[in-house]
Amino acid sequence: DVGSVEPGVNAEPDSETICFTFRSPLEPGSTHELNMCSKQVTLTSSRQWSPYAGVQADAFTCERVEYPASDGVLVPLTLARPRPGAFSGPGAGPRPCLLHVYGAYGSCLAPDFRPEYV
């Protein structure tokens, strides 16, 4: 999956488990626990899309591609878009696109869920 992993609160230094959170443009956030001995990952909690949004994450797809800049350097691009046929048919209307970019000084924007973009 395309997204970012962030360490969670791991207060016990001798623990066999660590917590981490995964987020992506389609995932509002899920917290997992990794057992470092067994290498088993367990989902401990997850946030869901608001039912008021009128759509759910499975209506979209997310992928990571690279596009060459004018100097030839490949720039990563995260695309979150409707799945083919998800919003088709009579009265489907336009499909607007929001482009959110930043590319300077070695900075990178992590793929992140933003409910205001849905």
PDB file of N, CA and C in Angstrom:
ATOM      1  N   ASP A   1       0.825  -1.186   0.000  1.00  0.00           N
ATOM      2  CA  ASP A   1       0.000   0.000   0.000  1.00  0.00           C
ATOM      3  C   ASP A   1       0.874   1.256   0.000  1.00  0.00           C
ATOM      4  N   VAL A   2       0.358   2.309  -0.594  1.00  0.00           N
ATOM      5  CA  VAL A   2       1.036   3.601  -0.589  1.00  0.00           C
ATOM      6  C   VAL A   2       0.646   4.325   0.687  1.00  0.00           C
ATOM      7  N   GLY A   3       1.617   4.810   1.435  1.00  0.00           N
ATOM      8  CA  GLY A   3       1.300   5.517   2.660  1.00  0.00           C
ATOM      9  C   GLY A   3       2.535   5.782   3.484  1.00  0.00           C
ATOM     10  N   SER A   4       2.312   6.116   4.752  1.00  0.00           N
ATOM     11  CA  SER A   4       3.423   6.395   5.654  1.00  0.00           C
ATOM     12  C   SER A   4       3.217   5.635   6.953  1.00  0.00           C
ATOM     13  N   VAL A   5       4.336   5.241   7.552  1.00  0.00           N
ATOM     14  CA  VAL A   5       4.335   4.531   8.824  1.00  0.00           C
ATOM     15  C   VAL A   5       5.010   5.429   9.842  1.00  0.00           C
ATOM     16  N   GLU A   6       4.356   5.589  10.985  1.00  0.00           N
ATOM     17  CA  GLU A   6       4.895   6.427  12.054  1.00  0.00           C
ATOM     18  C   GLU A   6       4.962   5.610  13.332  1.00  0.00           C
ATOM     19  N   PRO A   7       6.046   5.757  14.103  1.00  0.00           N
ATOM     20  CA  PRO A   7       6.125   5.010  15.361  1.00  0.00           C
ATOM     21  C   PRO A   7       5.072   5.495  16.345  1.00  0.00           C
ATOM     22  N   GLY A   8       4.578   4.574  17.140  1.00  0.00           N
ATOM     23  CA  GLY A   8       3.610   4.921  18.170  1.00  0.00           C
ATOM     24  C   GLY A   8       4.302   5.130  19.502  1.00  0.00           C
ATOM     25  N   VAL A   9       3.527   5.179  20.568  1.00  0.00           N
ATOM     26  CA  VAL A   9       4.077   5.314  21.910  1.00  0.00           C
ATOM     27  C   VAL A   9       4.522   3.923  22.359  1.00  0.00           C
ATOM     28  N   ASN A  10       5.800   3.778  22.593  1.00  0.00           N
ATOM     29  CA  ASN A  10       6.373   2.512  23.029  1.00  0.00           C
ATOM     30  C   ASN A  10       7.127   2.787  24.330  1.00  0.00           C
ATOM     31  N   ALA A  11       6.378   2.790  25.432  1.00  0.00           N
ATOM     32  CA  ALA A  11       6.905   3.251  26.715  1.00  0.00           C
ATOM     33  C   ALA A  11       7.779   2.224  27.440  1.00  0.00           C
ATOM     34  N   GLU A  12       7.667   0.951  27.095  1.00  0.00           N
ATOM     35  CA  GLU A  12       8.437  -0.078  27.802  1.00  0.00           C
ATOM     36  C   GLU A  12       9.622  -0.512  26.951  1.00  0.00           C
ATOM     37  N   PRO A  13      10.853  -0.132  27.326  1.00  0.00           N
ATOM     38  CA  PRO A  13      12.017  -0.440  26.496  1.00  0.00           C
ATOM     39  C   PRO A  13      12.314  -1.932  26.367  1.00  0.00           C
ATOM     40  N   ASP A  14      11.856  -2.768  27.301  1.00  0.00           N
ATOM     41  CA  ASP A  14      12.133  -4.209  27.248  1.00  0.00           C
ATOM     42  C   ASP A  14      10.999  -5.000  26.606  1.00  0.00           C
ATOM     43  N   SER A  15      10.001  -4.330  26.078  1.00  0.00           N
ATOM     44  CA  SER A  15       8.843  -4.996  25.494  1.00  0.00           C
ATOM     45  C   SER A  15       9.224  -5.737  24.211  1.00  0.00           C
ATOM     46  N   GLU A  16       8.547  -6.847  23.957  1.00  0.00           N
ATOM     47  CA  GLU A  16       8.745  -7.591  22.717  1.00  0.00           C
ATOM     48  C   GLU A  16       7.900  -7.027  21.582  1.00  0.00           C
ATOM     49  N   THR A  17       7.037  -6.045  21.896  1.00  0.00           N
ATOM     50  CA  THR A  17       6.154  -5.468  20.876  1.00  0.00           C
ATOM     51  C   THR A  17       6.397  -3.974  20.728  1.00  0.00           C
ATOM     52  N   ILE A  18       6.126  -3.488  19.536  1.00  0.00           N
ATOM     53  CA  ILE A  18       6.149  -2.049  19.284  1.00  0.00           C
ATOM     54  C   ILE A  18       4.860  -1.680  18.561  1.00  0.00           C
ATOM     55  N   CYS A  19       4.424  -0.445  18.765  1.00  0.00           N
ATOM     56  CA  CYS A  19       3.225   0.066  18.104  1.00  0.00           C
ATOM     57  C   CYS A  19       3.630   1.002  16.986  1.00  0.00           C
ATOM     58  N   PHE A  20       2.833   1.009  15.914  1.00  0.00           N
ATOM     59  CA  PHE A  20       3.041   1.951  14.826  1.00  0.00           C
ATOM     60  C   PHE A  20       1.702   2.270  14.176  1.00  0.00           C
ATOM     61  N   THR A  21       1.657   3.403  13.486  1.00  0.00           N
ATOM     62  CA  THR A  21       0.446   3.843  12.795  1.00  0.00           C
ATOM     63  C   THR A  21       0.716   3.918  11.303  1.00  0.00           C
ATOM     64  N   PHE A  22      -0.236   3.442  10.516  1.00  0.00           N
ATOM     65  CA  PHE A  22      -0.169   3.534   9.055  1.00  0.00           C
ATOM     66  C   PHE A  22      -1.261   4.481   8.586  1.00  0.00           C
ATOM     67  N   ARG A  23      -0.881   5.423   7.699  1.00  0.00           N
ATOM     68  CA  ARG A  23      -1.858   6.340   7.084  1.00  0.00           C
ATOM     69  C   ARG A  23      -1.527   6.460   5.610  1.00  0.00           C
ATOM     70  N   SER A  24      -2.566   6.723   4.837  1.00  0.00           N
ATOM     71  CA  SER A  24      -2.393   6.917   3.401  1.00  0.00           C
ATOM     72  C   SER A  24      -3.467   7.888   2.913  1.00  0.00           C
ATOM     73  N   PRO A  25      -3.433   8.251   1.634  1.00  0.00           N
ATOM     74  CA  PRO A  25      -4.499   9.112   1.121  1.00  0.00           C
ATOM     75  C   PRO A  25      -5.892   8.488   1.253  1.00  0.00           C
ATOM     76  N   LEU A  26      -5.979   7.159   1.370  1.00  0.00           N
ATOM     77  CA  LEU A  26      -7.282   6.499   1.492  1.00  0.00           C
ATOM     78  C   LEU A  26      -7.520   5.892   2.873  1.00  0.00           C
ATOM     79  N   GLU A  27      -6.521   5.903   3.726  1.00  0.00           N
ATOM     80  CA  GLU A  27      -6.608   5.297   5.058  1.00  0.00           C
ATOM     81  C   GLU A  27      -6.444   6.371   6.125  1.00  0.00           C
ATOM     82  N   PRO A  28      -7.511   6.685   6.889  1.00  0.00           N
ATOM     83  CA  PRO A  28      -7.421   7.751   7.886  1.00  0.00           C
ATOM     84  C   PRO A  28      -6.491   7.431   9.048  1.00  0.00           C
ATOM     85  N   GLY A  29      -6.100   6.210   9.207  1.00  0.00           N
ATOM     86  CA  GLY A  29      -5.159   5.861  10.259  1.00  0.00           C
ATOM     87  C   GLY A  29      -5.520   4.550  10.918  1.00  0.00           C
ATOM     88  N   SER A  30      -4.562   3.648  10.957  1.00  0.00           N
ATOM     89  CA  SER A  30      -4.752   2.385  11.663  1.00  0.00           C
ATOM     90  C   SER A  30      -3.520   2.138  12.518  1.00  0.00           C
ATOM     91  N   THR A  31      -3.765   1.715  13.750  1.00  0.00           N
ATOM     92  CA  THR A  31      -2.682   1.445  14.681  1.00  0.00           C
ATOM     93  C   THR A  31      -2.473  -0.062  14.763  1.00  0.00           C
ATOM     94  N   HIS A  32      -1.205  -0.453  14.707  1.00  0.00           N
ATOM     95  CA  HIS A  32      -0.850  -1.864  14.700  1.00  0.00           C
ATOM     96  C   HIS A  32       0.169  -2.136  15.795  1.00  0.00           C
ATOM     97  N   GLU A  33       0.247  -3.395  16.191  1.00  0.00           N
ATOM     98  CA  GLU A  33       1.250  -3.829  17.138  1.00  0.00           C
ATOM     99  C   GLU A  33       2.075  -4.921  16.459  1.00  0.00           C
ATOM    100  N   LEU A  34       3.394  -4.767  16.484  1.00  0.00           N
ATOM    101  CA  LEU A  34       4.308  -5.734  15.885  1.00  0.00           C
ATOM    102  C   LEU A  34       5.029  -6.471  17.000  1.00  0.00           C
ATOM    103  N   ASN A  35       4.880  -7.798  17.001  1.00  0.00           N
ATOM    104  CA  ASN A  35       5.629  -8.631  17.925  1.00  0.00           C
ATOM    105  C   ASN A  35       6.956  -8.934  17.244  1.00  0.00           C
ATOM    106  N   MET A  36       8.045  -8.424  17.810  1.00  0.00           N
ATOM    107  CA  MET A  36       9.344  -8.544  17.159  1.00  0.00           C
ATOM    108  C   MET A  36       9.906  -9.962  17.224  1.00  0.00           C
ATOM    109  N   CYS A  37       9.412 -10.800  18.129  1.00  0.00           N
ATOM    110  CA  CYS A  37       9.874 -12.192  18.200  1.00  0.00           C
ATOM    111  C   CYS A  37       9.175 -13.047  17.154  1.00  0.00           C
ATOM    112  N   SER A  38       7.846 -12.966  17.106  1.00  0.00           N
ATOM    113  CA  SER A  38       7.080 -13.792  16.162  1.00  0.00           C
ATOM    114  C   SER A  38       6.884 -13.122  14.806  1.00  0.00           C
ATOM    115  N   LYS A  39       7.188 -11.815  14.723  1.00  0.00           N
ATOM    116  CA  LYS A  39       6.989 -11.003  13.514  1.00  0.00           C
ATOM    117  C   LYS A  39       5.519 -10.928  13.101  1.00  0.00           C
ATOM    118  N   GLN A  40       4.632 -11.157  14.052  1.00  0.00           N
ATOM    119  CA  GLN A  40       3.191 -11.067  13.801  1.00  0.00           C
ATOM    120  C   GLN A  40       2.726  -9.636  14.020  1.00  0.00           C
ATOM    121  N   VAL A  41       1.914  -9.140  13.069  1.00  0.00           N
ATOM    122  CA  VAL A  41       1.347  -7.793  13.149  1.00  0.00           C
ATOM    123  C   VAL A  41      -0.139  -7.924  13.469  1.00  0.00           C
ATOM    124  N   THR A  42      -0.583  -7.164  14.467  1.00  0.00           N
ATOM    125  CA  THR A  42      -1.985  -7.195  14.878  1.00  0.00           C
ATOM    126  C   THR A  42      -2.566  -5.794  14.781  1.00  0.00           C
ATOM    127  N   LEU A  43      -3.721  -5.673  14.144  1.00  0.00           N
ATOM    128  CA  LEU A  43      -4.442  -4.405  14.089  1.00  0.00           C
ATOM    129  C   LEU A  43      -5.071  -4.157  15.455  1.00  0.00           C
ATOM    130  N   THR A  44      -4.765  -3.005  16.069  1.00  0.00           N
ATOM    131  CA  THR A  44      -5.327  -2.708  17.384  1.00  0.00           C
ATOM    132  C   THR A  44      -6.453  -1.677  17.320  1.00  0.00           C
ATOM    133  N   SER A  45      -6.408  -0.771  16.330  1.00  0.00           N
ATOM    134  CA  SER A  45      -7.509   0.183  16.157  1.00  0.00           C
ATOM    135  C   SER A  45      -7.407   0.811  14.775  1.00  0.00           C
ATOM    136  N   SER A  46      -8.532   1.300  14.293  1.00  0.00           N
ATOM    137  CA  SER A  46      -8.517   1.996  13.004  1.00  0.00           C
ATOM    138  C   SER A  46      -9.622   3.036  12.975  1.00  0.00           C
ATOM    139  N   ARG A  47      -9.331   4.108  12.263  1.00  0.00           N
ATOM    140  CA  ARG A  47     -10.335   5.149  12.044  1.00  0.00           C
ATOM    141  C   ARG A  47     -11.045   4.845  10.734  1.00  0.00           C
ATOM    142  N   GLN A  48     -12.296   5.227  10.640  1.00  0.00           N
ATOM    143  CA  GLN A  48     -13.101   4.953   9.458  1.00  0.00           C
ATOM    144  C   GLN A  48     -13.489   6.247   8.755  1.00  0.00           C
ATOM    145  N   TRP A  49     -13.812   6.145   7.480  1.00  0.00           N
ATOM    146  CA  TRP A  49     -14.343   7.289   6.751  1.00  0.00           C
ATOM    147  C   TRP A  49     -15.679   7.672   7.370  1.00  0.00           C
ATOM    148  N   SER A  50     -15.967   8.944   7.354  1.00  0.00           N
ATOM    149  CA  SER A  50     -17.238   9.421   7.878  1.00  0.00           C
ATOM    150  C   SER A  50     -18.381   8.935   6.983  1.00  0.00           C
ATOM    151  N   PRO A  51     -19.458   8.435   7.577  1.00  0.00           N
ATOM    152  CA  PRO A  51     -20.608   8.029   6.760  1.00  0.00           C
ATOM    153  C   PRO A  51     -21.249   9.213   6.051  1.00  0.00           C
ATOM    154  N   TYR A  52     -20.941  10.427   6.512  1.00  0.00           N
ATOM    155  CA  TYR A  52     -21.504  11.628   5.900  1.00  0.00           C
ATOM    156  C   TYR A  52     -20.772  12.012   4.617  1.00  0.00           C
ATOM    157  N   ALA A  53     -19.634  11.377   4.335  1.00  0.00           N
ATOM    158  CA  ALA A  53     -18.881  11.686   3.118  1.00  0.00           C
ATOM    159  C   ALA A  53     -19.629  11.231   1.872  1.00  0.00           C
ATOM    160  N   GLY A  54     -20.493  10.222   2.021  1.00  0.00           N
ATOM    161  CA  GLY A  54     -21.263   9.736   0.881  1.00  0.00           C
ATOM    162  C   GLY A  54     -20.519   8.724   0.018  1.00  0.00           C
ATOM    163  N   VAL A  55     -19.252   8.479   0.305  1.00  0.00           N
ATOM    164  CA  VAL A  55     -18.454   7.482  -0.414  1.00  0.00           C
ATOM    165  C   VAL A  55     -17.551   6.775   0.596  1.00  0.00           C
ATOM    166  N   GLN A  56     -17.014   5.639   0.177  1.00  0.00           N
ATOM    167  CA  GLN A  56     -16.098   4.880   1.016  1.00  0.00           C
ATOM    168  C   GLN A  56     -14.786   4.655   0.271  1.00  0.00           C
ATOM    169  N   ALA A  57     -13.760   4.268   0.994  1.00  0.00           N
ATOM    170  CA  ALA A  57     -12.421   4.106   0.429  1.00  0.00           C
ATOM    171  C   ALA A  57     -12.370   3.103  -0.710  1.00  0.00           C
ATOM    172  N   ASP A  58     -13.222   2.070  -0.683  1.00  0.00           N
ATOM    173  CA  ASP A  58     -13.156   1.051  -1.735  1.00  0.00           C
ATOM    174  C   ASP A  58     -13.607   1.573  -3.099  1.00  0.00           C
ATOM    175  N   ALA A  59     -14.132   2.787  -3.165  1.00  0.00           N
ATOM    176  CA  ALA A  59     -14.501   3.404  -4.447  1.00  0.00           C
ATOM    177  C   ALA A  59     -13.284   4.064  -5.108  1.00  0.00           C
ATOM    178  N   PHE A  60     -12.134   4.056  -4.416  1.00  0.00           N
ATOM    179  CA  PHE A  60     -10.938   4.728  -4.914  1.00  0.00           C
ATOM    180  C   PHE A  60      -9.767   3.759  -5.020  1.00  0.00           C
ATOM    181  N   THR A  61      -8.773   4.164  -5.772  1.00  0.00           N
ATOM    182  CA  THR A  61      -7.515   3.434  -5.860  1.00  0.00           C
ATOM    183  C   THR A  61      -6.377   4.418  -5.622  1.00  0.00           C
ATOM    184  N   CYS A  62      -5.278   3.924  -5.123  1.00  0.00           N
ATOM    185  CA  CYS A  62      -4.131   4.768  -4.838  1.00  0.00           C
ATOM    186  C   CYS A  62      -2.884   4.076  -5.373  1.00  0.00           C
ATOM    187  N   GLU A  63      -2.063   4.828  -6.076  1.00  0.00           N
ATOM    188  CA  GLU A  63      -0.842   4.246  -6.614  1.00  0.00           C
ATOM    189  C   GLU A  63       0.284   5.266  -6.583  1.00  0.00           C
ATOM    190  N   ARG A  64       1.502   4.762  -6.612  1.00  0.00           N
ATOM    191  CA  ARG A  64       2.690   5.615  -6.608  1.00  0.00           C
ATOM    192  C   ARG A  64       3.390   5.434  -7.945  1.00  0.00           C
ATOM    193  N   VAL A  65       3.611   6.536  -8.645  1.00  0.00           N
ATOM    194  CA  VAL A  65       4.313   6.529  -9.925  1.00  0.00           C
ATOM    195  C   VAL A  65       5.461   7.532  -9.842  1.00  0.00           C
ATOM    196  N   GLU A  66       6.333   7.498 -10.828  1.00  0.00           N
ATOM    197  CA  GLU A  66       7.411   8.471 -10.910  1.00  0.00           C
ATOM    198  C   GLU A  66       7.301   9.199 -12.230  1.00  0.00           C
ATOM    199  N   TYR A  67       7.579  10.482 -12.187  1.00  0.00           N
ATOM    200  CA  TYR A  67       7.481  11.318 -13.379  1.00  0.00           C
ATOM    201  C   TYR A  67       8.782  12.103 -13.504  1.00  0.00           C
ATOM    202  N   PRO A  68       9.375  12.161 -14.706  1.00  0.00           N
ATOM    203  CA  PRO A  68      10.651  12.871 -14.840  1.00  0.00           C
ATOM    204  C   PRO A  68      10.468  14.396 -14.807  1.00  0.00           C
ATOM    205  N   ALA A  69      11.298  15.046 -13.996  1.00  0.00           N
ATOM    206  CA  ALA A  69      11.333  16.510 -13.959  1.00  0.00           C
ATOM    207  C   ALA A  69      12.112  17.005 -15.178  1.00  0.00           C
ATOM    208  N   SER A  70      12.160  18.301 -15.367  1.00  0.00           N
ATOM    209  CA  SER A  70      12.843  18.860 -16.545  1.00  0.00           C
ATOM    210  C   SER A  70      14.330  18.516 -16.571  1.00  0.00           C
ATOM    211  N   ASP A  71      14.927  18.245 -15.401  1.00  0.00           N
ATOM    212  CA  ASP A  71      16.342  17.871 -15.365  1.00  0.00           C
ATOM    213  C   ASP A  71      16.555  16.357 -15.443  1.00  0.00           C
ATOM    214  N   GLY A  72      15.472  15.599 -15.607  1.00  0.00           N
ATOM    215  CA  GLY A  72      15.562  14.155 -15.738  1.00  0.00           C
ATOM    216  C   GLY A  72      15.427  13.381 -14.449  1.00  0.00           C
ATOM    217  N   VAL A  73      15.460  14.069 -13.304  1.00  0.00           N
ATOM    218  CA  VAL A  73      15.307  13.385 -12.021  1.00  0.00           C
ATOM    219  C   VAL A  73      13.866  12.885 -11.894  1.00  0.00           C
ATOM    220  N   LEU A  74      13.715  11.620 -11.464  1.00  0.00           N
ATOM    221  CA  LEU A  74      12.374  11.069 -11.283  1.00  0.00           C
ATOM    222  C   LEU A  74      11.779  11.571  -9.979  1.00  0.00           C
ATOM    223  N   VAL A  75      10.581  12.124 -10.066  1.00  0.00           N
ATOM    224  CA  VAL A  75       9.878  12.692  -8.922  1.00  0.00           C
ATOM    225  C   VAL A  75       8.707  11.766  -8.582  1.00  0.00           C
ATOM    226  N   PRO A  76       8.611  11.324  -7.310  1.00  0.00           N
ATOM    227  CA  PRO A  76       7.493  10.455  -6.945  1.00  0.00           C
ATOM    228  C   PRO A  76       6.176  11.223  -6.953  1.00  0.00           C
ATOM    229  N   LEU A  77       5.138  10.554  -7.417  1.00  0.00           N
ATOM    230  CA  LEU A  77       3.809  11.154  -7.513  1.00  0.00           C
ATOM    231  C   LEU A  77       2.804  10.142  -6.975  1.00  0.00           C
ATOM    232  N   THR A  78       2.009  10.539  -5.998  1.00  0.00           N
ATOM    233  CA  THR A  78       0.975   9.681  -5.439  1.00  0.00           C
ATOM    234  C   THR A  78      -0.363  10.053  -6.054  1.00  0.00           C
ATOM    235  N   LEU A  79      -1.021   9.078  -6.673  1.00  0.00           N
ATOM    236  CA  LEU A  79      -2.312   9.309  -7.307  1.00  0.00           C
ATOM    237  C   LEU A  79      -3.415   8.594  -6.521  1.00  0.00           C
ATOM    238  N   ALA A  80      -4.368   9.340  -6.028  1.00  0.00           N
ATOM    239  CA  ALA A  80      -5.567   8.776  -5.412  1.00  0.00           C
ATOM    240  C   ALA A  80      -6.715   9.207  -6.303  1.00  0.00           C
ATOM    241  N   ARG A  81      -7.430   8.221  -6.842  1.00  0.00           N
ATOM    242  CA  ARG A  81      -8.482   8.551  -7.815  1.00  0.00           C
ATOM    243  C   ARG A  81      -9.585   7.512  -7.762  1.00  0.00           C
ATOM    244  N   PRO A  82     -10.740   7.856  -8.334  1.00  0.00           N
ATOM    245  CA  PRO A  82     -11.833   6.878  -8.350  1.00  0.00           C
ATOM    246  C   PRO A  82     -11.444   5.640  -9.157  1.00  0.00           C
ATOM    247  N   ARG A  83     -11.901   4.487  -8.685  1.00  0.00           N
ATOM    248  CA  ARG A  83     -11.706   3.252  -9.451  1.00  0.00           C
ATOM    249  C   ARG A  83     -12.503   3.359 -10.746  1.00  0.00           C
ATOM    250  N   PRO A  84     -12.018   2.750 -11.818  1.00  0.00           N
ATOM    251  CA  PRO A  84     -12.784   2.776 -13.066  1.00  0.00           C
ATOM    252  C   PRO A  84     -14.212   2.264 -12.839  1.00  0.00           C
ATOM    253  N   GLY A  85     -15.179   3.036 -13.259  1.00  0.00           N
ATOM    254  CA  GLY A  85     -16.578   2.659 -13.140  1.00  0.00           C
ATOM    255  C   GLY A  85     -17.219   2.971 -11.797  1.00  0.00           C
ATOM    256  N   ALA A  86     -16.440   3.468 -10.839  1.00  0.00           N
ATOM    257  CA  ALA A  86     -16.995   3.723  -9.505  1.00  0.00           C
ATOM    258  C   ALA A  86     -18.026   4.842  -9.508  1.00  0.00           C
ATOM    259  N   PHE A  87     -17.840   5.826 -10.369  1.00  0.00           N
ATOM    260  CA  PHE A  87     -18.753   6.967 -10.416  1.00  0.00           C
ATOM    261  C   PHE A  87     -19.216   7.207 -11.841  1.00  0.00           C
ATOM    262  N   SER A  88     -19.636   6.154 -12.506  1.00  0.00           N
ATOM    263  CA  SER A  88     -20.066   6.297 -13.895  1.00  0.00           C
ATOM    264  C   SER A  88     -21.573   6.147 -13.997  1.00  0.00           C
ATOM    265  N   GLY A  89     -22.040   6.333 -15.182  1.00  0.00           N
ATOM    266  CA  GLY A  89     -23.464   6.200 -15.421  1.00  0.00           C
ATOM    267  C   GLY A  89     -24.133   7.547 -15.594  1.00  0.00           C
ATOM    268  N   PRO A  90     -25.426   7.541 -15.889  1.00  0.00           N
ATOM    269  CA  PRO A  90     -26.152   8.794 -16.084  1.00  0.00           C
ATOM    270  C   PRO A  90     -26.127   9.657 -14.824  1.00  0.00           C
ATOM    271  N   GLY A  91     -25.852  10.911 -15.014  1.00  0.00           N
ATOM    272  CA  GLY A  91     -25.838  11.851 -13.905  1.00  0.00           C
ATOM    273  C   GLY A  91     -24.590  11.799 -13.045  1.00  0.00           C
ATOM    274  N   ALA A  92     -23.553  11.090 -13.503  1.00  0.00           N
ATOM    275  CA  ALA A  92     -22.335  10.970 -12.709  1.00  0.00           C
ATOM    276  C   ALA A  92     -21.651  12.327 -12.544  1.00  0.00           C
ATOM    277  N   GLY A  93     -21.763  13.171 -13.536  1.00  0.00           N
ATOM    278  CA  GLY A  93     -21.212  14.517 -13.428  1.00  0.00           C
ATOM    279  C   GLY A  93     -19.707  14.567 -13.578  1.00  0.00           C
ATOM    280  N   PRO A  94     -19.144  15.757 -13.395  1.00  0.00           N
ATOM    281  CA  PRO A  94     -17.689  15.924 -13.558  1.00  0.00           C
ATOM    282  C   PRO A  94     -16.920  15.247 -12.428  1.00  0.00           C
ATOM    283  N   ARG A  95     -15.686  14.949 -12.694  1.00  0.00           N
ATOM    284  CA  ARG A  95     -14.803  14.362 -11.688  1.00  0.00           C
ATOM    285  C   ARG A  95     -13.643  15.318 -11.458  1.00  0.00           C
ATOM    286  N   PRO A  96     -13.780  16.233 -10.509  1.00  0.00           N
ATOM    287  CA  PRO A  96     -12.717  17.211 -10.282  1.00  0.00           C
ATOM    288  C   PRO A  96     -11.449  16.539  -9.745  1.00  0.00           C
ATOM    289  N   CYS A  97     -10.358  17.206  -9.931  1.00  0.00           N
ATOM    290  CA  CYS A  97      -9.063  16.705  -9.483  1.00  0.00           C
ATOM    291  C   CYS A  97      -8.407  17.749  -8.596  1.00  0.00           C
ATOM    292  N   LEU A  98      -7.865  17.314  -7.489  1.00  0.00           N
ATOM    293  CA  LEU A  98      -7.117  18.204  -6.610  1.00  0.00           C
ATOM    294  C   LEU A  98      -5.651  17.802  -6.696  1.00  0.00           C
ATOM    295  N   LEU A  99      -4.806  18.734  -7.072  1.00  0.00           N
ATOM    296  CA  LEU A  99      -3.379  18.483  -7.163  1.00  0.00           C
ATOM    297  C   LEU A  99      -2.694  19.229  -6.025  1.00  0.00           C
ATOM    298  N   HIS A 100      -2.036  18.475  -5.159  1.00  0.00           N
ATOM    299  CA  HIS A 100      -1.347  19.047  -4.001  1.00  0.00           C
ATOM    300  C   HIS A 100       0.116  18.645  -4.114  1.00  0.00           C
ATOM    301  N   VAL A 101       0.982  19.607  -4.391  1.00  0.00           N
ATOM    302  CA  VAL A 101       2.389  19.282  -4.642  1.00  0.00           C
ATOM    303  C   VAL A 101       3.319  20.227  -3.899  1.00  0.00           C
ATOM    304  N   TYR A 102       4.510  19.735  -3.689  1.00  0.00           N
ATOM    305  CA  TYR A 102       5.608  20.561  -3.203  1.00  0.00           C
ATOM    306  C   TYR A 102       6.879  19.830  -3.570  1.00  0.00           C
ATOM    307  N   GLY A 103       7.812  20.514  -4.154  1.00  0.00           N
ATOM    308  CA  GLY A 103       9.033  19.837  -4.556  1.00  0.00           C
ATOM    309  C   GLY A 103      10.222  20.767  -4.564  1.00  0.00           C
ATOM    310  N   ALA A 104      10.747  21.051  -3.421  1.00  0.00           N
ATOM    311  CA  ALA A 104      11.919  21.919  -3.363  1.00  0.00           C
ATOM    312  C   ALA A 104      12.732  21.614  -2.118  1.00  0.00           C
ATOM    313  N   TYR A 105      14.014  21.874  -2.211  1.00  0.00           N
ATOM    314  CA  TYR A 105      14.908  21.822  -1.064  1.00  0.00           C
ATOM    315  C   TYR A 105      14.941  20.465  -0.370  1.00  0.00           C
ATOM    316  N   GLY A 106      14.724  19.395  -1.118  1.00  0.00           N
ATOM    317  CA  GLY A 106      14.799  18.057  -0.553  1.00  0.00           C
ATOM    318  C   GLY A 106      13.628  17.665   0.320  1.00  0.00           C
ATOM    319  N   SER A 107      12.597  18.488   0.374  1.00  0.00           N
ATOM    320  CA  SER A 107      11.426  18.164   1.189  1.00  0.00           C
ATOM    321  C   SER A 107      10.543  17.172   0.476  1.00  0.00           C
ATOM    322  N   CYS A 108       9.826  16.405   1.259  1.00  0.00           N
ATOM    323  CA  CYS A 108       8.924  15.404   0.709  1.00  0.00           C
ATOM    324  C   CYS A 108       7.619  15.454   1.487  1.00  0.00           C
ATOM    325  N   LEU A 109       6.514  15.443   0.785  1.00  0.00           N
ATOM    326  CA  LEU A 109       5.204  15.364   1.427  1.00  0.00           C
ATOM    327  C   LEU A 109       4.823  13.898   1.548  1.00  0.00           C
ATOM    328  N   ALA A 110       4.567  13.444   2.757  1.00  0.00           N
ATOM    329  CA  ALA A 110       4.149  12.061   2.966  1.00  0.00           C
ATOM    330  C   ALA A 110       2.698  11.902   2.534  1.00  0.00           C
ATOM    331  N   PRO A 111       2.362  10.784   1.881  1.00  0.00           N
ATOM    332  CA  PRO A 111       0.958  10.543   1.525  1.00  0.00           C
ATOM    333  C   PRO A 111       0.122  10.476   2.797  1.00  0.00           C
ATOM    334  N   ASP A 112      -0.922  11.262   2.873  1.00  0.00           N
ATOM    335  CA  ASP A 112      -1.690  11.378   4.104  1.00  0.00           C
ATOM    336  C   ASP A 112      -3.168  11.503   3.783  1.00  0.00           C
ATOM    337  N   PHE A 113      -4.009  11.009   4.676  1.00  0.00           N
ATOM    338  CA  PHE A 113      -5.458  11.119   4.526  1.00  0.00           C
ATOM    339  C   PHE A 113      -5.914  12.506   4.932  1.00  0.00           C
ATOM    340  N   ARG A 114      -6.667  13.150   4.090  1.00  0.00           N
ATOM    341  CA  ARG A 114      -7.243  14.465   4.382  1.00  0.00           C
ATOM    342  C   ARG A 114      -8.735  14.415   4.057  1.00  0.00           C
ATOM    343  N   PRO A 115      -9.599  14.326   5.064  1.00  0.00           N
ATOM    344  CA  PRO A 115     -11.030  14.203   4.782  1.00  0.00           C
ATOM    345  C   PRO A 115     -11.568  15.387   3.982  1.00  0.00           C
ATOM    346  N   GLU A 116     -10.955  16.540   4.121  1.00  0.00           N
ATOM    347  CA  GLU A 116     -11.447  17.710   3.374  1.00  0.00           C
ATOM    348  C   GLU A 116     -11.200  17.580   1.871  1.00  0.00           C
ATOM    349  N   TYR A 117     -10.347  16.636   1.450  1.00  0.00           N
ATOM    350  CA  TYR A 117     -10.073  16.440   0.032  1.00  0.00           C
ATOM    351  C   TYR A 117     -11.061  15.490  -0.628  1.00  0.00           C
ATOM    352  N   VAL A 118     -11.835  14.759   0.166  1.00  0.00           N
ATOM    353  CA  VAL A 118     -12.771  13.773  -0.392  1.00  0.00           C
ATOM    354  C   VAL A 118     -13.958  14.476  -0.995  1.00  0.00           C
TER     355      VAL A 118
END
